[in-house]
Amino acid sequence: MKKEIDLKKYLSNPDTCPFCGREDITAGDSDFADIKAWRNIRCASCKKEWTEEFTITNVQVSTEDL
């Protein structure tokens, strides 16, 4: 049983299950706390679950505010 996810491989195709390779995955709503964000993912085929964690990578000012 595979316990860890190869992050580089997962990020190249996040629409497939990193355990069984099927596209039968469902993402829950995103949750936020302070500057952290995450969402739970579940594969209907193999029943595995995992959590994606998000970070801020950029901030842009709206052109309306300039």
Protein backbone atom coordinates (compact mmCIF):
# COMPACT_ATOMS: atom_id res chain seq x y z
CA MET A 1 0.00 0.00 0.00
CA LYS A 2 1.41 3.37 -1.05
CA LYS A 3 1.50 5.75 1.92
CA GLU A 4 3.27 8.81 0.49
CA ILE A 5 2.44 10.91 -2.55
CA ASP A 6 5.15 11.88 -5.04
CA LEU A 7 4.47 15.64 -4.96
CA LYS A 8 6.15 16.45 -8.28
CA LYS A 9 4.19 13.72 -10.08
CA TYR A 10 0.95 14.76 -8.32
CA LEU A 11 1.35 18.42 -9.28
CA SER A 12 1.92 17.47 -12.93
CA ASN A 13 -1.55 15.86 -13.00
CA PRO A 14 -3.64 16.70 -9.90
CA ASP A 15 -6.85 15.50 -11.57
CA THR A 16 -5.97 11.84 -11.02
CA CYS A 17 -5.70 9.81 -7.84
CA PRO A 18 -2.05 9.55 -6.76
CA PHE A 19 -2.72 6.04 -5.45
CA CYS A 20 -4.65 4.26 -8.23
CA GLY A 21 -4.33 6.73 -11.14
CA ARG A 22 -8.07 6.96 -11.81
CA GLU A 23 -9.86 10.26 -12.47
CA ASP A 24 -12.75 9.43 -10.14
CA ILE A 25 -11.80 11.99 -7.49
CA THR A 26 -13.90 14.57 -5.67
CA ALA A 27 -12.67 17.67 -3.88
CA GLY A 28 -14.47 19.06 -0.88
CA ASP A 29 -14.92 22.76 -0.19
CA SER A 30 -11.78 24.73 0.59
CA ASP A 31 -11.24 25.72 4.22
CA PHE A 32 -9.27 28.72 5.40
CA ALA A 33 -7.68 29.70 8.71
CA ASP A 34 -5.41 32.72 8.99
CA ILE A 35 -3.15 32.44 5.94
CA LYS A 36 -3.58 28.66 5.53
CA ALA A 37 -5.95 26.97 3.11
CA TRP A 38 -6.67 23.33 2.36
CA ARG A 39 -9.23 20.96 0.86
CA ASN A 40 -9.91 17.28 1.30
CA ILE A 41 -9.86 15.01 -1.74
CA ARG A 42 -11.37 11.52 -2.03
CA CYS A 43 -11.06 8.86 -4.71
CA ALA A 44 -14.28 6.95 -5.31
CA SER A 45 -12.39 4.10 -6.98
CA CYS A 46 -9.83 3.14 -4.31
CA LYS A 47 -11.45 5.02 -1.37
CA LYS A 48 -8.18 6.81 -0.48
CA GLU A 49 -8.37 10.32 0.98
CA TRP A 50 -5.76 13.10 1.12
CA THR A 51 -5.55 16.80 1.82
CA GLU A 52 -4.20 19.47 -0.52
CA GLU A 53 -2.57 22.39 1.28
CA PHE A 54 -2.32 25.81 -0.34
CA THR A 55 0.08 28.72 0.12
CA ILE A 56 0.11 32.27 -1.15
CA THR A 57 2.32 32.49 -4.23
CA ASN A 58 1.52 36.01 -5.40
CA VAL A 59 -0.56 39.09 -4.62
CA GLN A 60 -1.89 41.39 -7.33
CA VAL A 61 -3.46 44.82 -6.94
CA SER A 62 -6.69 45.29 -8.85
CA THR A 63 -6.39 47.79 -11.69
CA GLU A 64 -9.58 49.43 -10.37
CA ASP A 65 -7.59 50.57 -7.31
CA LEU A 66 -4.80 52.23 -9.30
